[in-house]
Amino acid sequence: MIDEFATTSPMSRPPLKKRLLKLLAFLLLAPYALTVIYLFVPPPSTLMLADLAAFTLPRRDWAPLEKIAPSLAASVIAAEDGAFCSHFGFDFAQLEKSIDQAAEGGKLRGASTISQQTAKNLFLWNGRSWLRKALEAPLTVWMEIILPKRRILEIYLNVAQWGDGIYGIEAASQHYFGTSAATLSIYQAALLASALPNPKLLSPINPGPAQLAQATIIRRRAQSHGPDLSCLK
């Protein structure tokens, strides 16, 4: 009986520090395994999981890329990441431009690519911190290695937040315009793209003057020569 008690005693368990290190290693490595799974499985975002944890049911209807209006894909790429098809996760030219503007007294603008935002949405948290960026960088590279560009964009459009509890382009299209993502007009697509930087403050159906001006710029970019969409074919 004494021997049996000894084998099950708490003293025989691994030290707390060791268990915490194992948990940390699991949390750090799990996204890399999940990325492979997300080649085939529609993923949730961390914000969607947070909603579920708060007993709030997020609204998301997965839409494959072929059932999303091409004007929406063009508008989002034009608005968020014009070099999406040509970079490998990071747009260094845009980053350098942002740093130069900040050095000249301007505001430091975000230069995150769609790939970086997808990594953040799937595995990390909102807000700006060096820790998040340090975790985001290798995840972005891994995602670019494992997932085709078409799949990265498809995931992004289906996990991006477009309002409280509204995730993905299908739910956003139905909520704001009463139509499916497949039948969005170029104007509606531009308004939706213009709301992405701050979906809790920017509304696709009630845009302020600055957002409306931005939507007009996005529409013109997507309509004229359009961004490079060769990687989506």
C-alpha atoms as a PDB file:
ATOM      1  CA  MET A   1       0.000   0.000   0.000  1.00  0.00           C
ATOM      2  CA  ILE A   2       2.865   2.349   0.790  1.00  0.00           C
ATOM      3  CA  ASP A   3       4.507   1.636  -2.574  1.00  0.00           C
ATOM      4  CA  GLU A   4       1.210   2.193  -4.380  1.00  0.00           C
ATOM      5  CA  PHE A   5       0.715   5.498  -2.585  1.00  0.00           C
ATOM      6  CA  ALA A   6       4.232   6.597  -3.470  1.00  0.00           C
ATOM      7  CA  THR A   7       3.718   6.042  -7.184  1.00  0.00           C
ATOM      8  CA  THR A   8       0.611   8.211  -7.209  1.00  0.00           C
ATOM      9  CA  SER A   9       1.836  10.849  -4.798  1.00  0.00           C
ATOM     10  CA  PRO A  10       1.893  14.478  -6.049  1.00  0.00           C
ATOM     11  CA  MET A  11       5.586  14.451  -5.207  1.00  0.00           C
ATOM     12  CA  SER A  12       6.138  12.069  -8.147  1.00  0.00           C
ATOM     13  CA  ARG A  13       4.559  14.448 -10.667  1.00  0.00           C
ATOM     14  CA  PRO A  14       6.789  16.636 -12.855  1.00  0.00           C
ATOM     15  CA  PRO A  15       7.630  19.993 -11.254  1.00  0.00           C
ATOM     16  CA  LEU A  16       5.249  22.835 -12.017  1.00  0.00           C
ATOM     17  CA  LYS A  17       7.955  24.694 -13.927  1.00  0.00           C
ATOM     18  CA  LYS A  18       8.497  21.714 -16.226  1.00  0.00           C
ATOM     19  CA  ARG A  19       4.777  21.361 -16.867  1.00  0.00           C
ATOM     20  CA  LEU A  20       4.485  25.054 -17.667  1.00  0.00           C
ATOM     21  CA  LEU A  21       7.386  24.805 -20.102  1.00  0.00           C
ATOM     22  CA  LYS A  22       5.675  21.887 -21.837  1.00  0.00           C
ATOM     23  CA  LEU A  23       2.448  23.870 -22.048  1.00  0.00           C
ATOM     24  CA  LEU A  24       4.308  26.868 -23.474  1.00  0.00           C
ATOM     25  CA  ALA A  25       6.043  24.678 -26.055  1.00  0.00           C
ATOM     26  CA  PHE A  26       2.678  23.224 -27.067  1.00  0.00           C
ATOM     27  CA  LEU A  27       1.119  26.673 -27.444  1.00  0.00           C
ATOM     28  CA  LEU A  28       4.054  27.860 -29.552  1.00  0.00           C
ATOM     29  CA  LEU A  29       4.148  24.814 -31.824  1.00  0.00           C
ATOM     30  CA  ALA A  30       0.411  24.133 -32.208  1.00  0.00           C
ATOM     31  CA  PRO A  31      -0.135  26.907 -34.816  1.00  0.00           C
ATOM     32  CA  TYR A  32       2.429  25.305 -37.113  1.00  0.00           C
ATOM     33  CA  ALA A  33       0.566  21.984 -37.042  1.00  0.00           C
ATOM     34  CA  LEU A  34      -2.800  23.712 -37.395  1.00  0.00           C
ATOM     35  CA  THR A  35      -1.594  25.565 -40.496  1.00  0.00           C
ATOM     36  CA  VAL A  36      -1.218  22.222 -42.276  1.00  0.00           C
ATOM     37  CA  ILE A  37      -4.717  21.195 -41.170  1.00  0.00           C
ATOM     38  CA  TYR A  38      -6.088  24.509 -42.402  1.00  0.00           C
ATOM     39  CA  LEU A  39      -5.127  23.524 -45.933  1.00  0.00           C
ATOM     40  CA  PHE A  40      -8.365  21.530 -45.870  1.00  0.00           C
ATOM     41  CA  VAL A  41     -10.416  22.659 -42.853  1.00  0.00           C
ATOM     42  CA  PRO A  42     -12.150  26.052 -42.432  1.00  0.00           C
ATOM     43  CA  PRO A  43     -10.405  27.632 -39.434  1.00  0.00           C
ATOM     44  CA  PRO A  44     -11.771  29.910 -36.720  1.00  0.00           C
ATOM     45  CA  SER A  45     -10.039  33.101 -35.646  1.00  0.00           C
ATOM     46  CA  THR A  46      -8.894  33.867 -32.117  1.00  0.00           C
ATOM     47  CA  LEU A  47     -11.604  36.560 -31.916  1.00  0.00           C
ATOM     48  CA  MET A  48     -14.254  34.000 -32.858  1.00  0.00           C
ATOM     49  CA  LEU A  49     -12.964  31.667 -30.149  1.00  0.00           C
ATOM     50  CA  ALA A  50     -13.035  34.557 -27.681  1.00  0.00           C
ATOM     51  CA  ASP A  51     -16.681  35.202 -28.571  1.00  0.00           C
ATOM     52  CA  LEU A  52     -17.489  31.536 -27.950  1.00  0.00           C
ATOM     53  CA  ALA A  53     -15.668  31.655 -24.624  1.00  0.00           C
ATOM     54  CA  ALA A  54     -17.880  34.612 -23.688  1.00  0.00           C
ATOM     55  CA  PHE A  55     -20.970  32.579 -24.689  1.00  0.00           C
ATOM     56  CA  THR A  56     -21.537  34.764 -27.762  1.00  0.00           C
ATOM     57  CA  LEU A  57     -22.200  32.941 -31.005  1.00  0.00           C
ATOM     58  CA  PRO A  58     -20.111  34.503 -33.806  1.00  0.00           C
ATOM     59  CA  ARG A  59     -21.740  34.884 -37.209  1.00  0.00           C
ATOM     60  CA  ARG A  60     -19.674  33.317 -39.995  1.00  0.00           C
ATOM     61  CA  ASP A  61     -20.720  31.484 -43.164  1.00  0.00           C
ATOM     62  CA  TRP A  62     -17.691  30.066 -44.960  1.00  0.00           C
ATOM     63  CA  ALA A  63     -17.528  31.064 -48.643  1.00  0.00           C
ATOM     64  CA  PRO A  64     -14.970  29.445 -50.972  1.00  0.00           C
ATOM     65  CA  LEU A  65     -13.042  31.923 -53.073  1.00  0.00           C
ATOM     66  CA  GLU A  66     -14.858  30.923 -56.253  1.00  0.00           C
ATOM     67  CA  LYS A  67     -18.117  32.033 -54.608  1.00  0.00           C
ATOM     68  CA  ILE A  68     -16.775  35.477 -53.684  1.00  0.00           C
ATOM     69  CA  ALA A  69     -17.148  38.309 -56.192  1.00  0.00           C
ATOM     70  CA  PRO A  70     -13.817  38.965 -57.971  1.00  0.00           C
ATOM     71  CA  SER A  71     -14.389  42.676 -57.317  1.00  0.00           C
ATOM     72  CA  LEU A  72     -14.233  41.984 -53.574  1.00  0.00           C
ATOM     73  CA  ALA A  73     -10.937  40.123 -53.804  1.00  0.00           C
ATOM     74  CA  ALA A  74      -9.529  42.893 -56.003  1.00  0.00           C
ATOM     75  CA  SER A  75     -10.785  45.594 -53.632  1.00  0.00           C
ATOM     76  CA  VAL A  76      -9.355  43.958 -50.508  1.00  0.00           C
ATOM     77  CA  ILE A  77      -5.968  43.381 -52.139  1.00  0.00           C
ATOM     78  CA  ALA A  78      -5.948  46.945 -53.468  1.00  0.00           C
ATOM     79  CA  ALA A  79      -6.803  48.293 -50.014  1.00  0.00           C
ATOM     80  CA  GLU A  80      -4.762  46.029 -47.757  1.00  0.00           C
ATOM     81  CA  ASP A  81      -1.841  44.582 -49.683  1.00  0.00           C
ATOM     82  CA  GLY A  82      -1.248  45.613 -53.292  1.00  0.00           C
ATOM     83  CA  ALA A  83       1.858  43.417 -53.551  1.00  0.00           C
ATOM     84  CA  PHE A  84       0.106  40.310 -52.194  1.00  0.00           C
ATOM     85  CA  CYS A  85       0.868  38.152 -55.216  1.00  0.00           C
ATOM     86  CA  SER A  86       4.533  39.162 -55.457  1.00  0.00           C
ATOM     87  CA  HIS A  87       5.850  39.110 -51.875  1.00  0.00           C
ATOM     88  CA  PHE A  88       6.664  36.178 -49.585  1.00  0.00           C
ATOM     89  CA  GLY A  89       4.734  37.366 -46.575  1.00  0.00           C
ATOM     90  CA  PHE A  90       6.329  40.781 -46.048  1.00  0.00           C
ATOM     91  CA  ASP A  91       6.143  43.945 -48.146  1.00  0.00           C
ATOM     92  CA  PHE A  92       9.510  45.489 -47.328  1.00  0.00           C
ATOM     93  CA  ALA A  93       9.045  48.349 -49.803  1.00  0.00           C
ATOM     94  CA  GLN A  94       5.828  49.431 -48.063  1.00  0.00           C
ATOM     95  CA  LEU A  95       7.460  49.008 -44.662  1.00  0.00           C
ATOM     96  CA  GLU A  96      10.379  51.208 -45.668  1.00  0.00           C
ATOM     97  CA  LYS A  97       7.986  53.830 -46.999  1.00  0.00           C
ATOM     98  CA  SER A  98       6.056  53.828 -43.724  1.00  0.00           C
ATOM     99  CA  ILE A  99       9.259  54.238 -41.693  1.00  0.00           C
ATOM    100  CA  ASP A 100      10.428  57.104 -43.928  1.00  0.00           C
ATOM    101  CA  GLN A 101       7.104  58.913 -43.474  1.00  0.00           C
ATOM    102  CA  ALA A 102       7.348  58.499 -39.701  1.00  0.00           C
ATOM    103  CA  ALA A 103      10.920  59.810 -39.740  1.00  0.00           C
ATOM    104  CA  GLU A 104       9.677  62.930 -41.554  1.00  0.00           C
ATOM    105  CA  GLY A 105       7.187  63.625 -38.786  1.00  0.00           C
ATOM    106  CA  GLY A 106       4.238  61.702 -40.133  1.00  0.00           C
ATOM    107  CA  LYS A 107       2.281  58.994 -38.371  1.00  0.00           C
ATOM    108  CA  LEU A 108       3.730  55.493 -38.481  1.00  0.00           C
ATOM    109  CA  ARG A 109       1.253  53.540 -40.584  1.00  0.00           C
ATOM    110  CA  GLY A 110       0.764  49.813 -40.381  1.00  0.00           C
ATOM    111  CA  ALA A 111       2.380  47.875 -43.214  1.00  0.00           C
ATOM    112  CA  SER A 112       1.066  44.418 -42.406  1.00  0.00           C
ATOM    113  CA  THR A 113       0.401  42.207 -45.396  1.00  0.00           C
ATOM    114  CA  ILE A 114      -2.641  39.988 -45.824  1.00  0.00           C
ATOM    115  CA  SER A 115      -0.444  37.019 -44.912  1.00  0.00           C
ATOM    116  CA  GLN A 116       0.628  38.690 -41.646  1.00  0.00           C
ATOM    117  CA  GLN A 117      -2.941  39.646 -40.817  1.00  0.00           C
ATOM    118  CA  THR A 118      -4.097  36.088 -41.489  1.00  0.00           C
ATOM    119  CA  ALA A 119      -1.445  34.695 -39.136  1.00  0.00           C
ATOM    120  CA  LYS A 120      -2.504  37.212 -36.486  1.00  0.00           C
ATOM    121  CA  ASN A 121      -6.217  36.518 -36.930  1.00  0.00           C
ATOM    122  CA  LEU A 122      -5.769  32.750 -36.697  1.00  0.00           C
ATOM    123  CA  PHE A 123      -3.271  32.430 -33.890  1.00  0.00           C
ATOM    124  CA  LEU A 124      -2.489  35.709 -32.106  1.00  0.00           C
ATOM    125  CA  TRP A 125      -4.172  38.793 -30.689  1.00  0.00           C
ATOM    126  CA  ASN A 126      -4.940  42.368 -31.699  1.00  0.00           C
ATOM    127  CA  GLY A 127      -2.838  45.288 -30.600  1.00  0.00           C
ATOM    128  CA  ARG A 128       0.692  46.371 -31.338  1.00  0.00           C
ATOM    129  CA  SER A 129       3.538  44.807 -29.405  1.00  0.00           C
ATOM    130  CA  TRP A 130       7.002  43.532 -30.201  1.00  0.00           C
ATOM    131  CA  LEU A 131       6.100  40.153 -28.719  1.00  0.00           C
ATOM    132  CA  ARG A 132       3.195  39.694 -31.090  1.00  0.00           C
ATOM    133  CA  LYS A 133       5.319  40.778 -34.054  1.00  0.00           C
ATOM    134  CA  ALA A 134       8.074  38.363 -33.009  1.00  0.00           C
ATOM    135  CA  LEU A 135       5.579  35.491 -32.932  1.00  0.00           C
ATOM    136  CA  GLU A 136       3.852  36.654 -36.110  1.00  0.00           C
ATOM    137  CA  ALA A 137       6.955  36.751 -38.345  1.00  0.00           C
ATOM    138  CA  PRO A 138       7.864  33.034 -38.387  1.00  0.00           C
ATOM    139  CA  LEU A 139       4.187  32.078 -38.548  1.00  0.00           C
ATOM    140  CA  THR A 140       3.817  34.252 -41.639  1.00  0.00           C
ATOM    141  CA  VAL A 141       6.795  32.594 -43.346  1.00  0.00           C
ATOM    142  CA  TRP A 142       5.479  29.137 -42.451  1.00  0.00           C
ATOM    143  CA  MET A 143       2.048  30.021 -43.788  1.00  0.00           C
ATOM    144  CA  GLU A 144       3.545  31.197 -47.080  1.00  0.00           C
ATOM    145  CA  ILE A 145       5.427  27.886 -47.355  1.00  0.00           C
ATOM    146  CA  ILE A 146       2.471  25.650 -46.558  1.00  0.00           C
ATOM    147  CA  LEU A 147      -0.543  27.497 -47.983  1.00  0.00           C
ATOM    148  CA  PRO A 148      -1.035  28.667 -51.570  1.00  0.00           C
ATOM    149  CA  LYS A 149      -1.728  32.378 -51.945  1.00  0.00           C
ATOM    150  CA  ARG A 150      -5.263  31.565 -53.036  1.00  0.00           C
ATOM    151  CA  ARG A 151      -5.880  29.691 -49.786  1.00  0.00           C
ATOM    152  CA  ILE A 152      -4.342  32.454 -47.665  1.00  0.00           C
ATOM    153  CA  LEU A 153      -6.688  35.022 -49.206  1.00  0.00           C
ATOM    154  CA  GLU A 154      -9.652  32.665 -48.898  1.00  0.00           C
ATOM    155  CA  ILE A 155      -8.962  32.173 -45.189  1.00  0.00           C
ATOM    156  CA  TYR A 156      -8.422  35.902 -44.634  1.00  0.00           C
ATOM    157  CA  LEU A 157     -11.720  36.826 -46.271  1.00  0.00           C
ATOM    158  CA  ASN A 158     -13.516  34.258 -44.131  1.00  0.00           C
ATOM    159  CA  VAL A 159     -12.026  35.166 -40.744  1.00  0.00           C
ATOM    160  CA  ALA A 160     -11.694  38.953 -41.079  1.00  0.00           C
ATOM    161  CA  GLN A 161     -13.962  40.861 -38.713  1.00  0.00           C
ATOM    162  CA  TRP A 162     -16.532  43.229 -40.216  1.00  0.00           C
ATOM    163  CA  GLY A 163     -18.332  44.292 -37.058  1.00  0.00           C
ATOM    164  CA  ASP A 164     -19.254  42.957 -33.626  1.00  0.00           C
ATOM    165  CA  GLY A 165     -19.733  39.212 -33.998  1.00  0.00           C
ATOM    166  CA  ILE A 166     -19.582  39.390 -37.810  1.00  0.00           C
ATOM    167  CA  TYR A 167     -16.780  37.381 -39.379  1.00  0.00           C
ATOM    168  CA  GLY A 168     -16.077  36.661 -43.007  1.00  0.00           C
ATOM    169  CA  ILE A 169     -17.282  38.189 -46.214  1.00  0.00           C
ATOM    170  CA  GLU A 170     -20.441  36.103 -46.585  1.00  0.00           C
ATOM    171  CA  ALA A 171     -21.832  37.135 -43.198  1.00  0.00           C
ATOM    172  CA  ALA A 172     -20.784  40.748 -43.833  1.00  0.00           C
ATOM    173  CA  SER A 173     -22.420  40.826 -47.271  1.00  0.00           C
ATOM    174  CA  GLN A 174     -25.675  39.441 -45.925  1.00  0.00           C
ATOM    175  CA  HIS A 175     -25.640  41.704 -42.851  1.00  0.00           C
ATOM    176  CA  TYR A 176     -24.861  45.002 -44.572  1.00  0.00           C
ATOM    177  CA  PHE A 177     -26.235  44.600 -48.093  1.00  0.00           C
ATOM    178  CA  GLY A 178     -28.653  41.677 -47.942  1.00  0.00           C
ATOM    179  CA  THR A 179     -26.811  39.845 -50.697  1.00  0.00           C
ATOM    180  CA  SER A 180     -24.327  37.023 -51.017  1.00  0.00           C
ATOM    181  CA  ALA A 181     -20.587  37.538 -51.362  1.00  0.00           C
ATOM    182  CA  ALA A 182     -20.868  36.231 -54.925  1.00  0.00           C
ATOM    183  CA  THR A 183     -23.128  39.070 -56.071  1.00  0.00           C
ATOM    184  CA  LEU A 184     -21.441  42.077 -54.459  1.00  0.00           C
ATOM    185  CA  SER A 185     -21.108  45.112 -56.696  1.00  0.00           C
ATOM    186  CA  ILE A 186     -17.784  46.894 -57.123  1.00  0.00           C
ATOM    187  CA  TYR A 187     -19.126  49.771 -55.039  1.00  0.00           C
ATOM    188  CA  GLN A 188     -20.252  47.474 -52.206  1.00  0.00           C
ATOM    189  CA  ALA A 189     -16.914  45.647 -52.360  1.00  0.00           C
ATOM    190  CA  ALA A 190     -14.997  48.906 -52.014  1.00  0.00           C
ATOM    191  CA  LEU A 191     -17.093  49.962 -49.009  1.00  0.00           C
ATOM    192  CA  LEU A 192     -16.488  46.629 -47.295  1.00  0.00           C
ATOM    193  CA  ALA A 193     -12.752  46.837 -47.987  1.00  0.00           C
ATOM    194  CA  SER A 194     -12.619  50.382 -46.619  1.00  0.00           C
ATOM    195  CA  ALA A 195     -13.997  49.179 -43.271  1.00  0.00           C
ATOM    196  CA  LEU A 196     -11.319  46.522 -42.669  1.00  0.00           C
ATOM    197  CA  PRO A 197      -8.780  48.733 -40.841  1.00  0.00           C
ATOM    198  CA  ASN A 198     -11.207  49.302 -37.957  1.00  0.00           C
ATOM    199  CA  PRO A 199     -14.411  47.277 -38.385  1.00  0.00           C
ATOM    200  CA  LYS A 200     -15.838  48.320 -35.024  1.00  0.00           C
ATOM    201  CA  LEU A 201     -15.738  52.012 -35.934  1.00  0.00           C
ATOM    202  CA  LEU A 202     -16.009  52.010 -39.735  1.00  0.00           C
ATOM    203  CA  SER A 203     -19.316  51.023 -41.298  1.00  0.00           C
ATOM    204  CA  PRO A 204     -19.753  49.852 -44.901  1.00  0.00           C
ATOM    205  CA  ILE A 205     -23.279  51.273 -44.979  1.00  0.00           C
ATOM    206  CA  ASN A 206     -22.726  54.500 -43.073  1.00  0.00           C
ATOM    207  CA  PRO A 207     -19.269  55.737 -44.089  1.00  0.00           C
ATOM    208  CA  GLY A 208     -17.915  59.081 -42.987  1.00  0.00           C
ATOM    209  CA  PRO A 209     -16.269  61.481 -45.463  1.00  0.00           C
ATOM    210  CA  ALA A 210     -12.759  60.077 -44.979  1.00  0.00           C
ATOM    211  CA  GLN A 211     -13.904  56.470 -45.336  1.00  0.00           C
ATOM    212  CA  LEU A 212     -16.013  57.344 -48.376  1.00  0.00           C
ATOM    213  CA  ALA A 213     -12.991  58.975 -50.001  1.00  0.00           C
ATOM    214  CA  GLN A 214     -10.922  55.876 -49.235  1.00  0.00           C
ATOM    215  CA  ALA A 215     -13.620  53.631 -50.717  1.00  0.00           C
ATOM    216  CA  THR A 216     -13.569  55.731 -53.893  1.00  0.00           C
ATOM    217  CA  ILE A 217      -9.796  55.312 -54.157  1.00  0.00           C
ATOM    218  CA  ILE A 218     -10.128  51.546 -53.616  1.00  0.00           C
ATOM    219  CA  ARG A 219     -12.825  51.276 -56.268  1.00  0.00           C
ATOM    220  CA  ARG A 220     -10.727  53.168 -58.799  1.00  0.00           C
ATOM    221  CA  ARG A 221      -7.676  51.018 -58.076  1.00  0.00           C
ATOM    222  CA  ALA A 222      -9.685  47.827 -58.427  1.00  0.00           C
ATOM    223  CA  GLN A 223     -11.451  49.005 -61.586  1.00  0.00           C
ATOM    224  CA  SER A 224      -8.706  50.706 -63.587  1.00  0.00           C
ATOM    225  CA  HIS A 225      -5.711  48.420 -63.984  1.00  0.00           C
ATOM    226  CA  GLY A 226      -6.422  46.561 -60.740  1.00  0.00           C
ATOM    227  CA  PRO A 227      -3.933  44.907 -58.411  1.00  0.00           C
ATOM    228  CA  ASP A 228      -1.948  41.847 -59.456  1.00  0.00           C
ATOM    229  CA  LEU A 229      -4.270  38.851 -59.046  1.00  0.00           C
ATOM    230  CA  SER A 230      -2.175  36.318 -60.955  1.00  0.00           C
ATOM    231  CA  CYS A 231      -1.587  34.180 -57.845  1.00  0.00           C
ATOM    232  CA  LEU A 232      -5.335  33.530 -57.516  1.00  0.00           C
ATOM    233  CA  LYS A 233      -5.675  31.688 -60.815  1.00  0.00           C
END
